[in-house]
Amino acid sequence: MTIEEFSKSCPVSVGDRFYRKKLHETIPDRLEVTEIKEVNGTFYIRAKYLYHTIGPTFDRTFSDMIFKDDSWVIEKKGVDF
């Protein structure tokens, strides 16, 4: 095995969008990736809500661990939109 095979990559890139699938939701509450930082092998993803209007902030930070749950959908920039 090579070093590249051991290295972990982030499932999203800056500009990609992602959202959590929810039953009976007509418009997903999409987030757009604005920044990615790696700390000790974990990727921290800063994203802004595109349609979200409730709450004190439109920016949130997520760990790449959320994508282990298949209810999260990733839309790749240039491919899905």
N, C-alpha and C. Protein backbone atom coordinates (compact mmCIF):
# COMPACT_ATOMS: atom_id res chain seq x y z
N MET A 1 0.84 -1.19 0.00
CA MET A 1 0.00 0.00 0.00
C MET A 1 0.88 1.24 0.00
N THR A 2 0.37 2.28 -0.64
CA THR A 2 1.11 3.54 -0.70
C THR A 2 0.59 4.49 0.37
N ILE A 3 1.31 5.57 0.59
CA ILE A 3 0.89 6.59 1.55
C ILE A 3 -0.45 7.17 1.15
N GLU A 4 -0.66 7.36 -0.16
CA GLU A 4 -1.93 7.92 -0.64
C GLU A 4 -3.12 7.06 -0.26
N GLU A 5 -2.92 5.74 -0.23
CA GLU A 5 -4.02 4.84 0.13
C GLU A 5 -4.38 4.96 1.61
N PHE A 6 -3.43 5.36 2.44
CA PHE A 6 -3.69 5.53 3.86
C PHE A 6 -4.25 6.91 4.19
N SER A 7 -3.96 7.88 3.36
CA SER A 7 -4.39 9.25 3.68
C SER A 7 -5.89 9.40 3.49
N LYS A 8 -6.47 10.16 4.36
CA LYS A 8 -7.91 10.39 4.37
C LYS A 8 -8.19 11.68 3.61
N SER A 9 -9.24 11.70 2.84
CA SER A 9 -9.60 12.93 2.14
C SER A 9 -10.98 13.38 2.59
N CYS A 10 -11.20 14.66 2.48
CA CYS A 10 -12.48 15.23 2.88
C CYS A 10 -13.53 14.89 1.82
N PRO A 11 -14.73 14.51 2.22
CA PRO A 11 -15.75 14.14 1.24
C PRO A 11 -16.34 15.33 0.47
N VAL A 12 -16.10 16.55 0.94
CA VAL A 12 -16.60 17.74 0.26
C VAL A 12 -15.44 18.69 -0.03
N SER A 13 -15.68 19.62 -0.95
CA SER A 13 -14.72 20.66 -1.30
C SER A 13 -15.39 22.01 -1.13
N VAL A 14 -14.59 23.07 -1.07
CA VAL A 14 -15.15 24.42 -0.99
C VAL A 14 -16.03 24.64 -2.23
N GLY A 15 -17.23 25.14 -2.00
CA GLY A 15 -18.19 25.37 -3.08
C GLY A 15 -19.23 24.29 -3.22
N ASP A 16 -18.95 23.07 -2.70
CA ASP A 16 -19.94 22.00 -2.72
C ASP A 16 -21.09 22.37 -1.80
N ARG A 17 -22.21 21.71 -2.01
CA ARG A 17 -23.37 21.90 -1.15
C ARG A 17 -23.75 20.57 -0.53
N PHE A 18 -24.35 20.63 0.65
CA PHE A 18 -24.82 19.41 1.29
C PHE A 18 -26.04 19.73 2.14
N TYR A 19 -26.82 18.70 2.41
CA TYR A 19 -28.02 18.83 3.24
C TYR A 19 -28.38 17.47 3.81
N ARG A 20 -29.22 17.50 4.80
CA ARG A 20 -29.71 16.27 5.42
C ARG A 20 -31.09 15.96 4.86
N LYS A 21 -31.27 14.73 4.35
CA LYS A 21 -32.57 14.31 3.83
C LYS A 21 -33.55 14.19 4.98
N LYS A 22 -34.70 14.80 4.82
CA LYS A 22 -35.76 14.70 5.83
C LYS A 22 -37.05 14.30 5.12
N LEU A 23 -37.76 13.40 5.75
CA LEU A 23 -39.02 12.92 5.20
C LEU A 23 -40.00 14.07 5.04
N HIS A 24 -40.65 14.15 3.90
CA HIS A 24 -41.68 15.15 3.60
C HIS A 24 -41.14 16.58 3.48
N GLU A 25 -39.84 16.73 3.27
CA GLU A 25 -39.27 18.06 3.08
C GLU A 25 -39.24 18.35 1.58
N THR A 26 -39.87 19.45 1.17
CA THR A 26 -39.93 19.75 -0.25
C THR A 26 -38.69 20.49 -0.75
N ILE A 27 -38.16 21.41 0.05
CA ILE A 27 -36.94 22.13 -0.31
C ILE A 27 -35.89 21.82 0.76
N PRO A 28 -34.82 21.13 0.38
CA PRO A 28 -33.78 20.81 1.39
C PRO A 28 -33.14 22.09 1.93
N ASP A 29 -32.74 22.06 3.18
CA ASP A 29 -32.07 23.19 3.83
C ASP A 29 -30.57 23.09 3.51
N ARG A 30 -30.21 23.48 2.29
CA ARG A 30 -28.85 23.30 1.79
C ARG A 30 -27.84 24.23 2.47
N LEU A 31 -26.62 23.70 2.61
CA LEU A 31 -25.47 24.46 3.10
C LEU A 31 -24.41 24.46 2.01
N GLU A 32 -23.66 25.56 1.90
CA GLU A 32 -22.57 25.63 0.94
C GLU A 32 -21.25 25.70 1.70
N VAL A 33 -20.30 24.86 1.33
CA VAL A 33 -19.00 24.78 2.00
C VAL A 33 -18.20 26.05 1.69
N THR A 34 -17.73 26.73 2.75
CA THR A 34 -16.94 27.94 2.58
C THR A 34 -15.49 27.76 3.00
N GLU A 35 -15.22 26.77 3.87
CA GLU A 35 -13.86 26.57 4.36
C GLU A 35 -13.72 25.16 4.91
N ILE A 36 -12.53 24.58 4.76
CA ILE A 36 -12.25 23.25 5.30
C ILE A 36 -10.90 23.31 5.99
N LYS A 37 -10.85 22.79 7.22
CA LYS A 37 -9.60 22.71 7.97
C LYS A 37 -9.42 21.28 8.45
N GLU A 38 -8.19 20.79 8.38
CA GLU A 38 -7.88 19.46 8.90
C GLU A 38 -7.13 19.61 10.22
N VAL A 39 -7.61 18.91 11.24
CA VAL A 39 -6.96 18.91 12.55
C VAL A 39 -6.84 17.46 12.99
N ASN A 40 -5.62 16.97 13.09
CA ASN A 40 -5.35 15.60 13.54
C ASN A 40 -6.17 14.55 12.80
N GLY A 41 -6.27 14.68 11.49
CA GLY A 41 -6.96 13.69 10.68
C GLY A 41 -8.46 13.85 10.59
N THR A 42 -9.02 14.84 11.25
CA THR A 42 -10.44 15.13 11.16
C THR A 42 -10.62 16.41 10.37
N PHE A 43 -11.56 16.42 9.44
CA PHE A 43 -11.84 17.62 8.66
C PHE A 43 -13.00 18.38 9.29
N TYR A 44 -12.80 19.68 9.48
CA TYR A 44 -13.85 20.56 10.00
C TYR A 44 -14.32 21.44 8.85
N ILE A 45 -15.61 21.37 8.59
CA ILE A 45 -16.21 21.98 7.42
C ILE A 45 -17.07 23.16 7.85
N ARG A 46 -16.70 24.34 7.42
CA ARG A 46 -17.50 25.53 7.70
C ARG A 46 -18.41 25.73 6.49
N ALA A 47 -19.68 25.92 6.77
CA ALA A 47 -20.67 26.06 5.69
C ALA A 47 -21.71 27.09 6.07
N LYS A 48 -22.31 27.68 5.04
CA LYS A 48 -23.37 28.66 5.28
C LYS A 48 -24.68 28.14 4.69
N TYR A 49 -25.75 28.40 5.43
CA TYR A 49 -27.07 28.03 4.94
C TYR A 49 -27.45 28.91 3.77
N LEU A 50 -28.06 28.31 2.75
CA LEU A 50 -28.49 29.08 1.59
C LEU A 50 -29.91 29.61 1.74
N TYR A 51 -30.78 28.87 2.42
CA TYR A 51 -32.19 29.26 2.52
C TYR A 51 -32.63 29.48 3.95
N HIS A 52 -31.82 29.14 4.91
CA HIS A 52 -32.15 29.17 6.33
C HIS A 52 -32.35 30.61 6.81
N THR A 53 -33.46 30.89 7.46
CA THR A 53 -33.72 32.26 7.91
C THR A 53 -33.99 32.36 9.40
N ILE A 54 -33.97 31.23 10.12
CA ILE A 54 -34.26 31.26 11.54
C ILE A 54 -32.98 30.96 12.31
N GLY A 55 -32.72 31.73 13.36
CA GLY A 55 -31.54 31.50 14.18
C GLY A 55 -30.57 32.66 14.11
N PRO A 56 -29.62 32.70 15.04
CA PRO A 56 -28.71 33.84 15.13
C PRO A 56 -27.61 33.86 14.08
N THR A 57 -27.32 32.72 13.46
CA THR A 57 -26.23 32.70 12.49
C THR A 57 -26.58 31.81 11.31
N PHE A 58 -25.99 32.14 10.19
CA PHE A 58 -26.21 31.34 8.98
C PHE A 58 -25.02 30.43 8.70
N ASP A 59 -23.95 30.54 9.52
CA ASP A 59 -22.75 29.73 9.36
C ASP A 59 -22.69 28.66 10.44
N ARG A 60 -22.23 27.46 10.06
CA ARG A 60 -22.05 26.38 11.03
C ARG A 60 -20.79 25.62 10.70
N THR A 61 -20.24 24.96 11.69
CA THR A 61 -19.07 24.11 11.47
C THR A 61 -19.47 22.67 11.78
N PHE A 62 -19.08 21.77 10.88
CA PHE A 62 -19.39 20.35 11.00
C PHE A 62 -18.10 19.56 10.94
N SER A 63 -18.10 18.39 11.52
CA SER A 63 -17.01 17.43 11.36
C SER A 63 -17.35 16.56 10.15
N ASP A 64 -16.33 16.05 9.48
CA ASP A 64 -16.58 15.15 8.35
C ASP A 64 -17.26 13.85 8.79
N MET A 65 -17.33 13.61 10.09
CA MET A 65 -17.98 12.41 10.61
C MET A 65 -19.46 12.35 10.28
N ILE A 66 -20.10 13.51 10.03
CA ILE A 66 -21.54 13.49 9.73
C ILE A 66 -21.83 12.70 8.47
N PHE A 67 -20.86 12.64 7.55
CA PHE A 67 -21.10 11.96 6.28
C PHE A 67 -21.05 10.44 6.38
N LYS A 68 -20.76 9.93 7.57
CA LYS A 68 -20.88 8.48 7.79
C LYS A 68 -22.35 8.08 7.89
N ASP A 69 -23.21 9.06 8.15
CA ASP A 69 -24.66 8.86 8.19
C ASP A 69 -25.19 9.09 6.78
N ASP A 70 -25.82 8.08 6.18
CA ASP A 70 -26.26 8.20 4.79
C ASP A 70 -27.46 9.11 4.58
N SER A 71 -27.93 9.78 5.63
CA SER A 71 -29.02 10.74 5.43
C SER A 71 -28.49 12.09 4.93
N TRP A 72 -27.16 12.25 4.91
CA TRP A 72 -26.55 13.48 4.38
C TRP A 72 -26.26 13.32 2.90
N VAL A 73 -26.66 14.31 2.11
CA VAL A 73 -26.49 14.30 0.66
C VAL A 73 -25.47 15.37 0.28
N ILE A 74 -24.51 15.01 -0.57
CA ILE A 74 -23.50 15.95 -1.05
C ILE A 74 -23.79 16.25 -2.51
N GLU A 75 -23.82 17.52 -2.85
CA GLU A 75 -23.96 17.96 -4.24
C GLU A 75 -22.62 18.60 -4.62
N LYS A 76 -21.91 17.98 -5.57
CA LYS A 76 -20.60 18.45 -5.97
C LYS A 76 -20.73 19.63 -6.93
N LYS A 77 -19.96 20.67 -6.66
CA LYS A 77 -19.96 21.87 -7.50
C LYS A 77 -19.54 21.49 -8.92
N GLY A 78 -20.30 21.99 -9.88
CA GLY A 78 -19.99 21.69 -11.29
C GLY A 78 -20.58 20.40 -11.79
N VAL A 79 -21.07 19.56 -10.88
CA VAL A 79 -21.68 18.29 -11.29
C VAL A 79 -23.18 18.31 -11.05
N ASP A 80 -23.57 18.68 -9.83
CA ASP A 80 -24.98 18.63 -9.44
C ASP A 80 -25.70 19.96 -9.58
N PHE A 81 -24.95 21.05 -9.73
CA PHE A 81 -25.60 22.36 -9.88
C PHE A 81 -24.74 23.27 -10.70
